[in-house]
N, C-alpha and C. Protein backbone atom coordinates (compact mmCIF):
# COMPACT_ATOMS: atom_id res chain seq x y z
N MET A 1 105.63 140.97 18.33
CA MET A 1 105.91 141.44 19.44
C MET A 1 105.32 142.56 20.09
N LEU A 2 104.90 143.44 18.67
CA LEU A 2 104.74 145.09 18.39
C LEU A 2 102.78 144.13 18.80
N ASN A 3 102.62 143.88 19.08
CA ASN A 3 100.45 143.63 18.85
C ASN A 3 100.69 143.60 20.29
N SER A 4 101.91 142.42 21.44
CA SER A 4 101.72 142.22 22.50
C SER A 4 102.09 143.32 23.59
N THR A 5 103.28 144.33 23.05
CA THR A 5 102.97 145.27 23.32
C THR A 5 102.14 146.21 23.24
N GLN A 6 101.56 146.74 21.72
CA GLN A 6 100.04 147.48 21.83
C GLN A 6 98.64 146.91 22.29
N GLN A 7 99.11 145.05 22.59
CA GLN A 7 97.87 145.11 23.84
C GLN A 7 98.05 145.40 25.43
N PHE A 8 99.29 145.52 25.49
CA PHE A 8 100.27 145.82 27.05
C PHE A 8 99.56 147.25 27.08
N HIS A 9 99.32 148.26 26.71
CA HIS A 9 99.94 149.57 26.18
C HIS A 9 98.69 150.09 26.73
N GLU A 10 96.97 149.51 25.56
CA GLU A 10 95.54 149.30 26.11
C GLU A 10 95.85 148.68 27.62
N GLN A 11 96.05 147.77 27.86
CA GLN A 11 95.79 147.45 29.43
C GLN A 11 95.66 148.24 30.04
N VAL A 12 97.10 148.31 30.19
CA VAL A 12 97.43 149.65 31.37
C VAL A 12 96.41 150.48 31.14
N ALA A 13 96.41 151.08 30.13
CA ALA A 13 95.21 152.80 29.19
C ALA A 13 93.77 152.15 30.35
N ILE A 14 93.36 151.65 30.02
CA ILE A 14 92.08 150.62 30.56
C ILE A 14 91.66 150.93 32.33
N GLN A 15 93.37 150.14 32.70
CA GLN A 15 93.04 149.97 33.96
C GLN A 15 93.15 151.38 34.66
N HIS A 16 94.35 152.35 34.02
CA HIS A 16 94.20 153.47 34.00
C HIS A 16 93.16 154.21 34.53
N SER A 17 91.86 154.39 33.11
CA SER A 17 90.55 154.84 33.43
C SER A 17 89.82 154.40 34.07
N GLN A 18 89.49 152.83 34.48
CA GLN A 18 89.16 152.36 35.82
C GLN A 18 89.87 153.00 37.25
N GLN A 19 90.86 152.86 37.63
CA GLN A 19 91.01 153.81 38.80
C GLN A 19 90.85 155.41 38.96
N ARG A 20 90.62 156.23 37.61
CA ARG A 20 90.34 157.66 37.31
C ARG A 20 88.83 157.46 38.12
N ARG A 21 88.39 156.61 37.88
CA ARG A 21 86.69 156.11 37.52
C ARG A 21 86.65 155.65 39.11
N LYS A 22 86.87 154.83 39.49
CA LYS A 22 86.99 154.75 41.50
C LYS A 22 86.97 155.79 42.06
N ASN A 23 88.43 156.48 42.06
CA ASN A 23 89.10 157.86 42.13
C ASN A 23 87.88 158.79 42.64
N GLN A 24 87.40 158.82 41.41
CA GLN A 24 86.15 159.82 40.70
C GLN A 24 85.25 159.49 41.99
N GLN A 25 84.21 158.06 42.23
CA GLN A 25 83.29 157.91 43.02
C GLN A 25 83.81 157.83 44.37
N LEU A 26 84.81 157.69 44.62
CA LEU A 26 85.04 158.01 46.53
C LEU A 26 85.11 159.71 46.58
N ARG A 27 86.19 159.99 45.61
CA ARG A 27 85.63 161.79 46.16
C ARG A 27 84.70 162.42 46.51
N ASP A 28 83.44 161.26 44.99
CA ASP A 28 82.23 162.30 45.16
C ASP A 28 81.43 161.18 46.46
N ASN A 29 81.69 160.02 47.14
CA ASN A 29 81.45 159.32 47.94
C ASN A 29 81.20 160.71 49.20
N ASN A 30 83.08 160.41 49.12
CA ASN A 30 83.51 161.43 50.89
C ASN A 30 82.72 162.91 50.23
N LEU A 31 82.30 163.54 49.35
CA LEU A 31 81.71 164.88 49.49
C LEU A 31 80.26 164.96 49.91
N GLU A 32 79.55 163.30 49.90
CA GLU A 32 78.09 163.00 50.37
C GLU A 32 78.27 163.10 51.72
N VAL A 33 79.67 161.96 52.16
CA VAL A 33 79.22 162.33 53.43
C VAL A 33 79.29 162.91 53.86
N ARG A 34 80.23 164.14 53.42
CA ARG A 34 81.15 165.41 54.54
C ARG A 34 79.40 166.27 54.10
N LYS A 35 78.75 166.19 52.72
CA LYS A 35 77.05 167.28 53.05
C LYS A 35 76.01 166.33 54.44
N THR A 36 76.09 165.48 54.23
CA THR A 36 75.63 164.29 55.40
C THR A 36 75.77 165.08 57.12
N GLU A 37 77.53 165.26 57.22
CA GLU A 37 77.78 165.22 58.45
C GLU A 37 77.61 167.18 59.03
N LEU A 38 77.91 167.92 57.57
CA LEU A 38 77.38 169.38 57.75
C LEU A 38 75.91 169.69 58.48
N LEU A 39 75.02 168.88 57.67
CA LEU A 39 73.52 168.76 57.56
C LEU A 39 73.48 168.23 59.04
N ILE A 40 73.54 167.19 59.59
CA ILE A 40 73.65 166.80 60.90
C ILE A 40 74.31 167.88 61.55
N GLU A 41 75.14 168.44 61.78
CA GLU A 41 76.01 169.51 62.70
C GLU A 41 74.24 170.39 62.88
N ARG A 42 74.55 171.13 61.66
CA ARG A 42 73.57 172.41 61.44
C ARG A 42 71.70 172.01 62.46
N TYR A 43 71.69 171.01 62.12
CA TYR A 43 70.25 169.85 62.83
C TYR A 43 70.73 170.45 64.70
N GLN A 44 72.32 170.16 65.22
CA GLN A 44 72.68 169.78 66.31
C GLN A 44 72.12 171.35 66.78
N GLN A 45 72.86 172.35 66.13
CA GLN A 45 73.20 173.46 65.88
C GLN A 45 71.67 173.97 66.43
N GLU A 46 71.26 174.22 65.95
CA GLU A 46 69.63 174.75 65.60
C GLU A 46 69.03 173.94 66.54
N GLU A 47 68.90 172.94 67.26
CA GLU A 47 68.45 172.50 68.54
C GLU A 47 68.95 172.83 69.97
N LEU A 48 70.53 173.20 69.63
CA LEU A 48 70.72 173.88 71.00
C LEU A 48 70.39 174.70 71.31
N LEU A 49 70.72 175.70 70.04
CA LEU A 49 69.69 177.55 69.61
C LEU A 49 68.43 177.18 70.65
N ALA A 50 67.29 176.37 70.21
CA ALA A 50 66.36 175.88 70.54
C ALA A 50 66.36 175.67 72.02
N GLU A 51 66.67 174.70 72.37
CA GLU A 51 66.74 174.63 73.96
C GLU A 51 67.58 176.01 74.79
N GLY A 52 68.12 176.69 74.01
CA GLY A 52 68.48 177.26 74.85
C GLY A 52 67.46 178.64 74.56
N ARG A 53 66.81 179.05 74.15
CA ARG A 53 65.25 179.60 74.16
C ARG A 53 64.51 179.38 75.04
N ARG A 54 64.74 177.84 74.76
CA ARG A 54 63.38 177.34 76.00
C ARG A 54 63.74 177.69 77.42
N GLU A 55 65.27 177.05 77.67
CA GLU A 55 65.72 177.46 79.15
C GLU A 55 65.28 178.50 79.23
N GLN A 56 65.61 179.90 78.34
CA GLN A 56 65.70 180.88 78.81
C GLN A 56 63.98 181.40 78.88
N ARG A 57 63.22 181.20 78.41
CA ARG A 57 62.21 181.27 78.72
C ARG A 57 61.16 180.81 80.04
N ARG A 58 62.38 179.58 79.65
CA ARG A 58 61.41 178.98 81.45
C ARG A 58 62.64 179.65 83.03
N GLN A 59 63.56 180.50 82.23
CA GLN A 59 64.10 181.18 83.44
C GLN A 59 63.28 182.69 83.80
N ASP A 60 62.94 183.20 82.57
CA ASP A 60 62.10 184.17 82.31
C ASP A 60 61.00 184.19 83.26
N GLU A 61 59.99 183.41 82.85
CA GLU A 61 58.89 182.78 83.70
C GLU A 61 58.93 182.48 85.04
N MET A 62 59.92 181.96 85.18
CA MET A 62 60.26 182.33 86.84
C MET A 62 60.53 183.31 87.53
N ALA A 63 61.13 183.87 87.45
CA ALA A 63 61.72 185.22 87.55
C ALA A 63 60.60 186.27 87.87
N GLY A 64 59.68 186.26 86.65
CA GLY A 64 57.67 186.46 86.39
C GLY A 64 57.32 186.34 87.17
N ILE A 65 57.03 184.73 87.83
CA ILE A 65 56.48 184.68 89.17
C ILE A 65 57.18 185.05 90.84
N MET A 66 58.44 185.10 90.41
CA MET A 66 59.00 185.37 91.80
C MET A 66 58.64 187.02 91.94
N LEU A 67 59.22 187.48 90.77
CA LEU A 67 59.15 189.01 91.22
C LEU A 67 57.28 189.45 91.52
N ARG A 68 56.27 188.66 91.10
CA ARG A 68 54.71 189.11 91.29
C ARG A 68 55.06 188.42 93.08
N ARG A 69 55.36 187.92 93.45
CA ARG A 69 55.05 187.01 94.61
C ARG A 69 55.71 188.26 95.51
N LEU A 70 56.96 188.70 94.73
CA LEU A 70 57.44 190.02 95.98
C LEU A 70 56.28 191.01 96.05
N GLN A 71 56.29 191.21 95.28
CA GLN A 71 55.20 192.70 94.18
C GLN A 71 53.53 192.81 95.44
N GLY A 72 53.66 191.38 95.70
CA GLY A 72 52.13 191.64 95.93
C GLY A 72 51.68 189.95 97.14
């Protein structure tokens, strides 16, 4: 009886240990996913800023062309 109780407790301890490892792996995976999401968001923001700068340059060039036409 004592031996089977001890084996039961050892099995429970092993299962708890395995569950803790699985939980840690899930947390690690979630952290990696979030890091990737943040990198994608940062890239998208940089692309939006770059597009905004390109659009502003196009507008400035167009305004310069129109101003030169009015002046000359």
